[in-house]
ModelCIF file with pLDDT and N, C-alpha, C, O atoms, coordinates in Angstrom:
data_MODEL
#
_entry.id   MODEL 
#
_entity.id                         1 
_entity.type                       polymer 
_entity.pdbx_number_of_molecules   1 
#
_entity_poly.entity_id                      1 
_entity_poly.type                           'polypeptide(L)' 
_entity_poly.nstd_linkage                   no 
_entity_poly.nstd_monomer                   no 
_entity_poly.pdbx_seq_one_letter_code       ATELEFADGDTVVTVRVRDVSGNVGAVEQIILHIGAALPPTATPTR 
_entity_poly.pdbx_seq_one_letter_code_can   ATELEFADGDTVVTVRVRDVSGNVGAVEQIILHIGAALPPTATPTR 
_entity_poly.pdbx_strand_id                 A 
#
loop_
_entity_poly_seq.entity_id 
_entity_poly_seq.num 
_entity_poly_seq.mon_id 
_entity_poly_seq.hetero 
1 1  ALA n 
1 2  THR n 
1 3  GLU n 
1 4  LEU n 
1 5  GLU n 
1 6  PHE n 
1 7  ALA n 
1 8  ASP n 
1 9  GLY n 
1 10 ASP n 
1 11 THR n 
1 12 VAL n 
1 13 VAL n 
1 14 THR n 
1 15 VAL n 
1 16 ARG n 
1 17 VAL n 
1 18 ARG n 
1 19 ASP n 
1 20 VAL n 
1 21 SER n 
1 22 GLY n 
1 23 ASN n 
1 24 VAL n 
1 25 GLY n 
1 26 ALA n 
1 27 VAL n 
1 28 GLU n 
1 29 GLN n 
1 30 ILE n 
1 31 ILE n 
1 32 LEU n 
1 33 HIS n 
1 34 ILE n 
1 35 GLY n 
1 36 ALA n 
1 37 ALA n 
1 38 LEU n 
1 39 PRO n 
1 40 PRO n 
1 41 THR n 
1 42 ALA n 
1 43 THR n 
1 44 PRO n 
1 45 THR n 
1 46 ARG n 
#
_struct_asym.id          A 
_struct_asym.entity_id   1 
#
loop_
_ma_qa_metric.id 
_ma_qa_metric.mode 
_ma_qa_metric.name 
_ma_qa_metric.software_group_id 
_ma_qa_metric.type 
1 global pLDDT . pLDDT 
2 local  pLDDT . pLDDT 
#
_ma_qa_metric_global.metric_id      1 
_ma_qa_metric_global.metric_value   87.09 
_ma_qa_metric_global.model_id       1 
_ma_qa_metric_global.ordinal_id     1 
#
loop_
_ma_qa_metric_local.label_asym_id 
_ma_qa_metric_local.label_comp_id 
_ma_qa_metric_local.label_seq_id 
_ma_qa_metric_local.metric_id 
_ma_qa_metric_local.metric_value 
_ma_qa_metric_local.model_id 
_ma_qa_metric_local.ordinal_id 
A ALA 1  2 94.00 1 1  
A THR 2  2 92.00 1 2  
A GLU 3  2 93.00 1 3  
A LEU 4  2 96.00 1 4  
A GLU 5  2 96.00 1 5  
A PHE 6  2 97.00 1 6  
A ALA 7  2 95.00 1 7  
A ASP 8  2 94.00 1 8  
A GLY 9  2 94.00 1 9  
A ASP 10 2 95.00 1 10 
A THR 11 2 96.00 1 11 
A VAL 12 2 96.00 1 12 
A VAL 13 2 97.00 1 13 
A THR 14 2 96.00 1 14 
A VAL 15 2 97.00 1 15 
A ARG 16 2 96.00 1 16 
A VAL 17 2 97.00 1 17 
A ARG 18 2 96.00 1 18 
A ASP 19 2 96.00 1 19 
A VAL 20 2 96.00 1 20 
A SER 21 2 94.00 1 21 
A GLY 22 2 93.00 1 22 
A ASN 23 2 95.00 1 23 
A VAL 24 2 94.00 1 24 
A GLY 25 2 93.00 1 25 
A ALA 26 2 91.00 1 26 
A VAL 27 2 93.00 1 27 
A GLU 28 2 94.00 1 28 
A GLN 29 2 95.00 1 29 
A ILE 30 2 96.00 1 30 
A ILE 31 2 95.00 1 31 
A LEU 32 2 95.00 1 32 
A HIS 33 2 95.00 1 33 
A ILE 34 2 95.00 1 34 
A GLY 35 2 93.00 1 35 
A ALA 36 2 86.00 1 36 
A ALA 37 2 70.00 1 37 
A LEU 38 2 63.00 1 38 
A PRO 39 2 56.00 1 39 
A PRO 40 2 53.00 1 40 
A THR 41 2 57.00 1 41 
A ALA 42 2 58.00 1 42 
A THR 43 2 58.00 1 43 
A PRO 44 2 63.00 1 44 
A THR 45 2 62.00 1 45 
A ARG 46 2 60.00 1 46 
#
loop_
_atom_site.group_PDB 
_atom_site.id 
_atom_site.type_symbol 
_atom_site.label_atom_id 
_atom_site.label_alt_id 
_atom_site.label_comp_id 
_atom_site.label_asym_id 
_atom_site.label_entity_id 
_atom_site.label_seq_id 
_atom_site.pdbx_PDB_ins_code 
_atom_site.Cartn_x 
_atom_site.Cartn_y 
_atom_site.Cartn_z 
_atom_site.occupancy 
_atom_site.B_iso_or_equiv 
_atom_site.pdbx_formal_charge 
_atom_site.auth_seq_id 
_atom_site.auth_comp_id 
_atom_site.auth_asym_id 
_atom_site.auth_atom_id 
_atom_site.pdbx_PDB_model_num 
ATOM 1   N N  . ALA A 1 1  ? 6.580   -12.325 8.013  1.00 94.00 ? 1  ALA A N  1 
ATOM 2   C CA . ALA A 1 1  ? 7.883   -11.904 8.950  1.00 94.00 ? 1  ALA A CA 1 
ATOM 3   C C  . ALA A 1 1  ? 7.383   -12.353 10.028 1.00 94.00 ? 1  ALA A C  1 
ATOM 4   O O  . ALA A 1 1  ? 6.642   -13.325 9.888  1.00 94.00 ? 1  ALA A O  1 
ATOM 5   N N  . THR A 1 2  ? 7.574   -11.889 11.265 1.00 92.00 ? 2  THR A N  1 
ATOM 6   C CA . THR A 1 2  ? 8.631   -12.350 12.769 1.00 92.00 ? 2  THR A CA 1 
ATOM 7   C C  . THR A 1 2  ? 6.955   -12.858 13.592 1.00 92.00 ? 2  THR A C  1 
ATOM 8   O O  . THR A 1 2  ? 6.747   -13.972 14.074 1.00 92.00 ? 2  THR A O  1 
ATOM 9   N N  . GLU A 1 3  ? 5.760   -11.487 13.552 1.00 93.00 ? 3  GLU A N  1 
ATOM 10  C CA . GLU A 1 3  ? 4.260   -12.448 13.825 1.00 93.00 ? 3  GLU A CA 1 
ATOM 11  C C  . GLU A 1 3  ? 3.319   -12.824 13.121 1.00 93.00 ? 3  GLU A C  1 
ATOM 12  O O  . GLU A 1 3  ? 2.104   -12.745 13.300 1.00 93.00 ? 3  GLU A O  1 
ATOM 13  N N  . LEU A 1 4  ? 4.134   -13.391 12.006 1.00 96.00 ? 4  LEU A N  1 
ATOM 14  C CA . LEU A 1 4  ? 3.283   -14.104 11.123 1.00 96.00 ? 4  LEU A CA 1 
ATOM 15  C C  . LEU A 1 4  ? 4.558   -15.306 10.817 1.00 96.00 ? 4  LEU A C  1 
ATOM 16  O O  . LEU A 1 4  ? 4.599   -15.346 9.587  1.00 96.00 ? 4  LEU A O  1 
ATOM 17  N N  . GLU A 1 5  ? 4.976   -15.701 11.033 1.00 96.00 ? 5  GLU A N  1 
ATOM 18  C CA . GLU A 1 5  ? 6.217   -16.848 11.465 1.00 96.00 ? 5  GLU A CA 1 
ATOM 19  C C  . GLU A 1 5  ? 5.897   -18.374 11.094 1.00 96.00 ? 5  GLU A C  1 
ATOM 20  O O  . GLU A 1 5  ? 4.682   -18.243 10.949 1.00 96.00 ? 5  GLU A O  1 
ATOM 21  N N  . PHE A 1 6  ? 6.026   -19.097 10.957 1.00 97.00 ? 6  PHE A N  1 
ATOM 22  C CA . PHE A 1 6  ? 5.289   -19.976 10.717 1.00 97.00 ? 6  PHE A CA 1 
ATOM 23  C C  . PHE A 1 6  ? 5.783   -21.202 11.331 1.00 97.00 ? 6  PHE A C  1 
ATOM 24  O O  . PHE A 1 6  ? 6.964   -21.398 11.046 1.00 97.00 ? 6  PHE A O  1 
ATOM 25  N N  . ALA A 1 7  ? 5.248   -22.116 12.101 1.00 95.00 ? 7  ALA A N  1 
ATOM 26  C CA . ALA A 1 7  ? 6.435   -23.590 12.912 1.00 95.00 ? 7  ALA A CA 1 
ATOM 27  C C  . ALA A 1 7  ? 6.664   -23.989 11.970 1.00 95.00 ? 7  ALA A C  1 
ATOM 28  O O  . ALA A 1 7  ? 6.260   -23.992 10.808 1.00 95.00 ? 7  ALA A O  1 
ATOM 29  N N  . ASP A 1 8  ? 8.069   -24.703 13.110 1.00 94.00 ? 8  ASP A N  1 
ATOM 30  C CA . ASP A 1 8  ? 8.762   -26.005 12.209 1.00 94.00 ? 8  ASP A CA 1 
ATOM 31  C C  . ASP A 1 8  ? 7.994   -26.586 12.095 1.00 94.00 ? 8  ASP A C  1 
ATOM 32  O O  . ASP A 1 8  ? 6.962   -26.276 12.689 1.00 94.00 ? 8  ASP A O  1 
ATOM 33  N N  . GLY A 1 9  ? 8.034   -28.443 10.807 1.00 94.00 ? 9  GLY A N  1 
ATOM 34  C CA . GLY A 1 9  ? 7.489   -28.776 10.913 1.00 94.00 ? 9  GLY A CA 1 
ATOM 35  C C  . GLY A 1 9  ? 6.417   -27.751 8.685  1.00 94.00 ? 9  GLY A C  1 
ATOM 36  O O  . GLY A 1 9  ? 6.317   -26.843 7.860  1.00 94.00 ? 9  GLY A O  1 
ATOM 37  N N  . ASP A 1 10 ? 5.921   -29.545 9.377  1.00 95.00 ? 10 ASP A N  1 
ATOM 38  C CA . ASP A 1 10 ? 4.214   -28.837 7.910  1.00 95.00 ? 10 ASP A CA 1 
ATOM 39  C C  . ASP A 1 10 ? 3.158   -27.958 8.141  1.00 95.00 ? 10 ASP A C  1 
ATOM 40  O O  . ASP A 1 10 ? 2.342   -28.262 9.011  1.00 95.00 ? 10 ASP A O  1 
ATOM 41  N N  . THR A 1 11 ? 3.018   -26.830 7.461  1.00 96.00 ? 11 THR A N  1 
ATOM 42  C CA . THR A 1 11 ? 2.331   -26.265 7.715  1.00 96.00 ? 11 THR A CA 1 
ATOM 43  C C  . THR A 1 11 ? 0.997   -26.276 6.389  1.00 96.00 ? 11 THR A C  1 
ATOM 44  O O  . THR A 1 11 ? 1.059   -25.874 5.227  1.00 96.00 ? 11 THR A O  1 
ATOM 45  N N  . VAL A 1 12 ? -0.386  -27.041 7.313  1.00 96.00 ? 12 VAL A N  1 
ATOM 46  C CA . VAL A 1 12 ? -1.029  -26.860 4.884  1.00 96.00 ? 12 VAL A CA 1 
ATOM 47  C C  . VAL A 1 12 ? -2.162  -25.502 5.187  1.00 96.00 ? 12 VAL A C  1 
ATOM 48  O O  . VAL A 1 12 ? -3.078  -25.245 5.968  1.00 96.00 ? 12 VAL A O  1 
ATOM 49  N N  . VAL A 1 13 ? -1.574  -24.970 4.241  1.00 97.00 ? 13 VAL A N  1 
ATOM 50  C CA . VAL A 1 13 ? -2.399  -23.620 3.653  1.00 97.00 ? 13 VAL A CA 1 
ATOM 51  C C  . VAL A 1 13 ? -3.673  -24.099 2.997  1.00 97.00 ? 13 VAL A C  1 
ATOM 52  O O  . VAL A 1 13 ? -3.775  -25.245 2.559  1.00 97.00 ? 13 VAL A O  1 
ATOM 53  N N  . THR A 1 14 ? -4.745  -23.111 2.928  1.00 96.00 ? 14 THR A N  1 
ATOM 54  C CA . THR A 1 14 ? -6.088  -23.351 2.292  1.00 96.00 ? 14 THR A CA 1 
ATOM 55  C C  . THR A 1 14 ? -6.960  -22.521 2.093  1.00 96.00 ? 14 THR A C  1 
ATOM 56  O O  . THR A 1 14 ? -7.302  -21.704 2.948  1.00 96.00 ? 14 THR A O  1 
ATOM 57  N N  . VAL A 1 15 ? -7.483  -22.602 0.870  1.00 97.00 ? 15 VAL A N  1 
ATOM 58  C CA . VAL A 1 15 ? -7.013  -20.759 0.660  1.00 97.00 ? 15 VAL A CA 1 
ATOM 59  C C  . VAL A 1 15 ? -8.883  -21.139 -0.722 1.00 97.00 ? 15 VAL A C  1 
ATOM 60  O O  . VAL A 1 15 ? -9.114  -22.165 -1.362 1.00 97.00 ? 15 VAL A O  1 
ATOM 61  N N  . ARG A 1 16 ? -9.593  -20.066 -0.661 1.00 96.00 ? 16 ARG A N  1 
ATOM 62  C CA . ARG A 1 16 ? -10.483 -19.899 -1.746 1.00 96.00 ? 16 ARG A CA 1 
ATOM 63  C C  . ARG A 1 16 ? -10.454 -18.539 -1.393 1.00 96.00 ? 16 ARG A C  1 
ATOM 64  O O  . ARG A 1 16 ? -10.230 -17.979 -0.319 1.00 96.00 ? 16 ARG A O  1 
ATOM 65  N N  . VAL A 1 17 ? -10.744 -18.096 -2.589 1.00 97.00 ? 17 VAL A N  1 
ATOM 66  C CA . VAL A 1 17 ? -11.821 -16.260 -2.753 1.00 97.00 ? 17 VAL A CA 1 
ATOM 67  C C  . VAL A 1 17 ? -12.790 -16.263 -3.400 1.00 97.00 ? 17 VAL A C  1 
ATOM 68  O O  . VAL A 1 17 ? -13.172 -16.948 -4.348 1.00 97.00 ? 17 VAL A O  1 
ATOM 69  N N  . ARG A 1 18 ? -13.301 -15.245 -2.708 1.00 96.00 ? 18 ARG A N  1 
ATOM 70  C CA . ARG A 1 18 ? -14.890 -15.035 -2.561 1.00 96.00 ? 18 ARG A CA 1 
ATOM 71  C C  . ARG A 1 18 ? -14.884 -13.779 -3.586 1.00 96.00 ? 18 ARG A C  1 
ATOM 72  O O  . ARG A 1 18 ? -13.968 -12.958 -3.540 1.00 96.00 ? 18 ARG A O  1 
ATOM 73  N N  . ASP A 1 19 ? -16.460 -13.619 -4.954 1.00 96.00 ? 19 ASP A N  1 
ATOM 74  C CA . ASP A 1 19 ? -16.220 -12.497 -5.619 1.00 96.00 ? 19 ASP A CA 1 
ATOM 75  C C  . ASP A 1 19 ? -16.927 -11.137 -5.543 1.00 96.00 ? 19 ASP A C  1 
ATOM 76  O O  . ASP A 1 19 ? -17.104 -10.984 -4.335 1.00 96.00 ? 19 ASP A O  1 
ATOM 77  N N  . VAL A 1 20 ? -17.286 -10.367 -6.000 1.00 96.00 ? 20 VAL A N  1 
ATOM 78  C CA . VAL A 1 20 ? -18.050 -9.233  -6.260 1.00 96.00 ? 20 VAL A CA 1 
ATOM 79  C C  . VAL A 1 20 ? -19.989 -9.643  -5.419 1.00 96.00 ? 20 VAL A C  1 
ATOM 80  O O  . VAL A 1 20 ? -20.824 -9.282  -4.590 1.00 96.00 ? 20 VAL A O  1 
ATOM 81  N N  . SER A 1 21 ? -19.694 -10.506 -6.352 1.00 94.00 ? 21 SER A N  1 
ATOM 82  C CA . SER A 1 21 ? -21.490 -11.554 -6.144 1.00 94.00 ? 21 SER A CA 1 
ATOM 83  C C  . SER A 1 21 ? -21.626 -11.924 -4.749 1.00 94.00 ? 21 SER A C  1 
ATOM 84  O O  . SER A 1 21 ? -22.659 -11.493 -4.236 1.00 94.00 ? 21 SER A O  1 
ATOM 85  N N  . GLY A 1 22 ? -20.756 -12.705 -3.884 1.00 93.00 ? 22 GLY A N  1 
ATOM 86  C CA . GLY A 1 22 ? -20.834 -13.312 -2.774 1.00 93.00 ? 22 GLY A CA 1 
ATOM 87  C C  . GLY A 1 22 ? -20.653 -14.594 -3.126 1.00 93.00 ? 22 GLY A C  1 
ATOM 88  O O  . GLY A 1 22 ? -21.148 -15.411 -2.350 1.00 93.00 ? 22 GLY A O  1 
ATOM 89  N N  . ASN A 1 23 ? -19.853 -15.188 -4.464 1.00 95.00 ? 23 ASN A N  1 
ATOM 90  C CA . ASN A 1 23 ? -19.623 -16.680 -3.997 1.00 95.00 ? 23 ASN A CA 1 
ATOM 91  C C  . ASN A 1 23 ? -18.585 -17.002 -3.806 1.00 95.00 ? 23 ASN A C  1 
ATOM 92  O O  . ASN A 1 23 ? -17.894 -16.238 -4.480 1.00 95.00 ? 23 ASN A O  1 
ATOM 93  N N  . VAL A 1 24 ? -17.633 -18.034 -3.028 1.00 94.00 ? 24 VAL A N  1 
ATOM 94  C CA . VAL A 1 24 ? -16.456 -18.270 -3.195 1.00 94.00 ? 24 VAL A CA 1 
ATOM 95  C C  . VAL A 1 24 ? -16.085 -19.523 -4.499 1.00 94.00 ? 24 VAL A C  1 
ATOM 96  O O  . VAL A 1 24 ? -16.899 -20.355 -4.902 1.00 94.00 ? 24 VAL A O  1 
ATOM 97  N N  . GLY A 1 25 ? -15.155 -19.424 -4.814 1.00 93.00 ? 25 GLY A N  1 
ATOM 98  C CA . GLY A 1 25 ? -14.648 -20.595 -5.488 1.00 93.00 ? 25 GLY A CA 1 
ATOM 99  C C  . GLY A 1 25 ? -14.079 -21.645 -5.339 1.00 93.00 ? 25 GLY A C  1 
ATOM 100 O O  . GLY A 1 25 ? -14.018 -22.061 -4.182 1.00 93.00 ? 25 GLY A O  1 
ATOM 101 N N  . ALA A 1 26 ? -13.913 -21.862 -5.628 1.00 91.00 ? 26 ALA A N  1 
ATOM 102 C CA . ALA A 1 26 ? -13.304 -24.151 -5.669 1.00 91.00 ? 26 ALA A CA 1 
ATOM 103 C C  . ALA A 1 26 ? -11.914 -23.560 -4.575 1.00 91.00 ? 26 ALA A C  1 
ATOM 104 O O  . ALA A 1 26 ? -11.203 -22.555 -4.570 1.00 91.00 ? 26 ALA A O  1 
ATOM 105 N N  . VAL A 1 27 ? -12.006 -24.613 -3.847 1.00 93.00 ? 27 VAL A N  1 
ATOM 106 C CA . VAL A 1 27 ? -10.499 -24.644 -2.416 1.00 93.00 ? 27 VAL A CA 1 
ATOM 107 C C  . VAL A 1 27 ? -9.576  -25.361 -3.120 1.00 93.00 ? 27 VAL A C  1 
ATOM 108 O O  . VAL A 1 27 ? -9.657  -26.319 -3.889 1.00 93.00 ? 27 VAL A O  1 
ATOM 109 N N  . GLU A 1 28 ? -8.322  -24.430 -2.525 1.00 94.00 ? 28 GLU A N  1 
ATOM 110 C CA . GLU A 1 28 ? -7.059  -25.131 -2.822 1.00 94.00 ? 28 GLU A CA 1 
ATOM 111 C C  . GLU A 1 28 ? -5.814  -24.970 -1.663 1.00 94.00 ? 28 GLU A C  1 
ATOM 112 O O  . GLU A 1 28 ? -5.780  -24.112 -0.781 1.00 94.00 ? 28 GLU A O  1 
ATOM 113 N N  . GLN A 1 29 ? -4.648  -26.200 -1.953 1.00 95.00 ? 29 GLN A N  1 
ATOM 114 C CA . GLN A 1 29 ? -4.071  -26.100 -0.824 1.00 95.00 ? 29 GLN A CA 1 
ATOM 115 C C  . GLN A 1 29 ? -2.576  -26.580 -1.230 1.00 95.00 ? 29 GLN A C  1 
ATOM 116 O O  . GLN A 1 29 ? -2.043  -27.133 -2.192 1.00 95.00 ? 29 GLN A O  1 
ATOM 117 N N  . ILE A 1 30 ? -2.125  -25.974 0.253  1.00 96.00 ? 30 ILE A N  1 
ATOM 118 C CA . ILE A 1 30 ? -0.330  -26.082 -0.432 1.00 96.00 ? 30 ILE A CA 1 
ATOM 119 C C  . ILE A 1 30 ? 0.205   -26.406 1.183  1.00 96.00 ? 30 ILE A C  1 
ATOM 120 O O  . ILE A 1 30 ? -0.001  -25.702 2.172  1.00 96.00 ? 30 ILE A O  1 
ATOM 121 N N  . ILE A 1 31 ? 0.933   -27.662 1.111  1.00 95.00 ? 31 ILE A N  1 
ATOM 122 C CA . ILE A 1 31 ? 2.235   -27.433 2.115  1.00 95.00 ? 31 ILE A CA 1 
ATOM 123 C C  . ILE A 1 31 ? 3.579   -26.674 2.266  1.00 95.00 ? 31 ILE A C  1 
ATOM 124 O O  . ILE A 1 31 ? 4.586   -26.938 1.609  1.00 95.00 ? 31 ILE A O  1 
ATOM 125 N N  . LEU A 1 32 ? 3.506   -25.950 2.964  1.00 95.00 ? 32 LEU A N  1 
ATOM 126 C CA . LEU A 1 32 ? 4.189   -24.893 3.945  1.00 95.00 ? 32 LEU A CA 1 
ATOM 127 C C  . LEU A 1 32 ? 5.659   -25.742 5.093  1.00 95.00 ? 32 LEU A C  1 
ATOM 128 O O  . LEU A 1 32 ? 5.878   -25.673 6.302  1.00 95.00 ? 32 LEU A O  1 
ATOM 129 N N  . HIS A 1 33 ? 6.494   -26.600 3.754  1.00 95.00 ? 33 HIS A N  1 
ATOM 130 C CA . HIS A 1 33 ? 8.297   -26.790 5.108  1.00 95.00 ? 33 HIS A CA 1 
ATOM 131 C C  . HIS A 1 33 ? 8.624   -26.600 5.467  1.00 95.00 ? 33 HIS A C  1 
ATOM 132 O O  . HIS A 1 33 ? 9.657   -26.314 4.862  1.00 95.00 ? 33 HIS A O  1 
ATOM 133 N N  . ILE A 1 34 ? 8.812   -26.183 7.357  1.00 95.00 ? 34 ILE A N  1 
ATOM 134 C CA . ILE A 1 34 ? 9.764   -25.464 7.555  1.00 95.00 ? 34 ILE A CA 1 
ATOM 135 C C  . ILE A 1 34 ? 10.811  -25.762 8.126  1.00 95.00 ? 34 ILE A C  1 
ATOM 136 O O  . ILE A 1 34 ? 10.760  -26.001 9.333  1.00 95.00 ? 34 ILE A O  1 
ATOM 137 N N  . GLY A 1 35 ? 12.235  -25.842 7.325  1.00 93.00 ? 35 GLY A N  1 
ATOM 138 C CA . GLY A 1 35 ? 13.623  -26.704 8.719  1.00 93.00 ? 35 GLY A CA 1 
ATOM 139 C C  . GLY A 1 35 ? 14.167  -27.815 6.855  1.00 93.00 ? 35 GLY A C  1 
ATOM 140 O O  . GLY A 1 35 ? 13.855  -27.815 5.664  1.00 93.00 ? 35 GLY A O  1 
ATOM 141 N N  . ALA A 1 36 ? 14.984  -28.459 7.685  1.00 86.00 ? 36 ALA A N  1 
ATOM 142 C CA . ALA A 1 36 ? 15.234  -28.771 7.036  1.00 86.00 ? 36 ALA A CA 1 
ATOM 143 C C  . ALA A 1 36 ? 14.581  -29.736 6.081  1.00 86.00 ? 36 ALA A C  1 
ATOM 144 O O  . ALA A 1 36 ? 13.468  -30.180 6.362  1.00 86.00 ? 36 ALA A O  1 
ATOM 145 N N  . ALA A 1 37 ? 15.502  -30.271 4.417  1.00 70.00 ? 37 ALA A N  1 
ATOM 146 C CA . ALA A 1 37 ? 14.408  -30.677 3.267  1.00 70.00 ? 37 ALA A CA 1 
ATOM 147 C C  . ALA A 1 37 ? 14.234  -31.959 3.399  1.00 70.00 ? 37 ALA A C  1 
ATOM 148 O O  . ALA A 1 37 ? 14.460  -32.593 2.368  1.00 70.00 ? 37 ALA A O  1 
ATOM 149 N N  . LEU A 1 38 ? 13.846  -32.686 4.492  1.00 63.00 ? 38 LEU A N  1 
ATOM 150 C CA . LEU A 1 38 ? 13.229  -34.050 4.364  1.00 63.00 ? 38 LEU A CA 1 
ATOM 151 C C  . LEU A 1 38 ? 12.273  -34.141 3.575  1.00 63.00 ? 38 LEU A C  1 
ATOM 152 O O  . LEU A 1 38 ? 11.813  -33.078 3.157  1.00 63.00 ? 38 LEU A O  1 
ATOM 153 N N  . PRO A 1 39 ? 11.641  -35.469 3.097  1.00 56.00 ? 39 PRO A N  1 
ATOM 154 C CA . PRO A 1 39 ? 10.282  -35.331 2.525  1.00 56.00 ? 39 PRO A CA 1 
ATOM 155 C C  . PRO A 1 39 ? 9.456   -35.011 3.308  1.00 56.00 ? 39 PRO A C  1 
ATOM 156 O O  . PRO A 1 39 ? 9.412   -35.713 4.319  1.00 56.00 ? 39 PRO A O  1 
ATOM 157 N N  . PRO A 1 40 ? 8.377   -33.752 3.201  1.00 53.00 ? 40 PRO A N  1 
ATOM 158 C CA . PRO A 1 40 ? 7.767   -33.618 4.261  1.00 53.00 ? 40 PRO A CA 1 
ATOM 159 C C  . PRO A 1 40 ? 6.767   -35.019 3.973  1.00 53.00 ? 40 PRO A C  1 
ATOM 160 O O  . PRO A 1 40 ? 6.900   -35.651 2.925  1.00 53.00 ? 40 PRO A O  1 
ATOM 161 N N  . THR A 1 41 ? 5.660   -35.461 5.125  1.00 57.00 ? 41 THR A N  1 
ATOM 162 C CA . THR A 1 41 ? 5.009   -36.908 4.535  1.00 57.00 ? 41 THR A CA 1 
ATOM 163 C C  . THR A 1 41 ? 2.898   -35.917 5.174  1.00 57.00 ? 41 THR A C  1 
ATOM 164 O O  . THR A 1 41 ? 1.887   -36.535 5.509  1.00 57.00 ? 41 THR A O  1 
ATOM 165 N N  . ALA A 1 42 ? 3.058   -34.553 5.087  1.00 58.00 ? 42 ALA A N  1 
ATOM 166 C CA . ALA A 1 42 ? 2.025   -33.984 5.416  1.00 58.00 ? 42 ALA A CA 1 
ATOM 167 C C  . ALA A 1 42 ? 0.723   -34.524 4.719  1.00 58.00 ? 42 ALA A C  1 
ATOM 168 O O  . ALA A 1 42 ? 0.834   -34.209 3.535  1.00 58.00 ? 42 ALA A O  1 
ATOM 169 N N  . THR A 1 43 ? -0.152  -35.019 4.865  1.00 58.00 ? 43 THR A N  1 
ATOM 170 C CA . THR A 1 43 ? -0.828  -35.095 4.172  1.00 58.00 ? 43 THR A CA 1 
ATOM 171 C C  . THR A 1 43 ? -2.522  -34.278 4.230  1.00 58.00 ? 43 THR A C  1 
ATOM 172 O O  . THR A 1 43 ? -3.491  -34.532 4.945  1.00 58.00 ? 43 THR A O  1 
ATOM 173 N N  . PRO A 1 44 ? -2.345  -33.347 3.262  1.00 63.00 ? 44 PRO A N  1 
ATOM 174 C CA . PRO A 1 44 ? -3.139  -32.138 3.463  1.00 63.00 ? 44 PRO A CA 1 
ATOM 175 C C  . PRO A 1 44 ? -5.019  -32.494 3.157  1.00 63.00 ? 44 PRO A C  1 
ATOM 176 O O  . PRO A 1 44 ? -5.578  -32.939 2.154  1.00 63.00 ? 44 PRO A O  1 
ATOM 177 N N  . THR A 1 45 ? -5.898  -31.817 5.280  1.00 62.00 ? 45 THR A N  1 
ATOM 178 C CA . THR A 1 45 ? -7.050  -32.513 4.464  1.00 62.00 ? 45 THR A CA 1 
ATOM 179 C C  . THR A 1 45 ? -8.367  -31.101 4.304  1.00 62.00 ? 45 THR A C  1 
ATOM 180 O O  . THR A 1 45 ? -8.598  -30.082 4.956  1.00 62.00 ? 45 THR A O  1 
ATOM 181 N N  . ARG A 1 46 ? -9.067  -31.835 2.910  1.00 60.00 ? 46 ARG A N  1 
ATOM 182 C CA . ARG A 1 46 ? -9.832  -31.300 3.068  1.00 60.00 ? 46 ARG A CA 1 
ATOM 183 C C  . ARG A 1 46 ? -10.776 -30.817 3.613  1.00 60.00 ? 46 ARG A C  1 
ATOM 184 O O  . ARG A 1 46 ? -11.459 -29.973 3.032  1.00 60.00 ? 46 ARG A O  1 
#
C-alpha cells in the first residue's frame, strides 16, 4: 500500500529465510519494474 509504495523503475528484492535453529538458507532475488512495460535492464547485485 502507500506506506510501502515501490519507486518507479527497477527495485531489486533480495530474500533469504532463517529456520528455528538459526540457520539461514540460500539467497534469491527478483526485480520489480514499476512503470511502462519497457525491458528492464537492472542487473541484480548478489
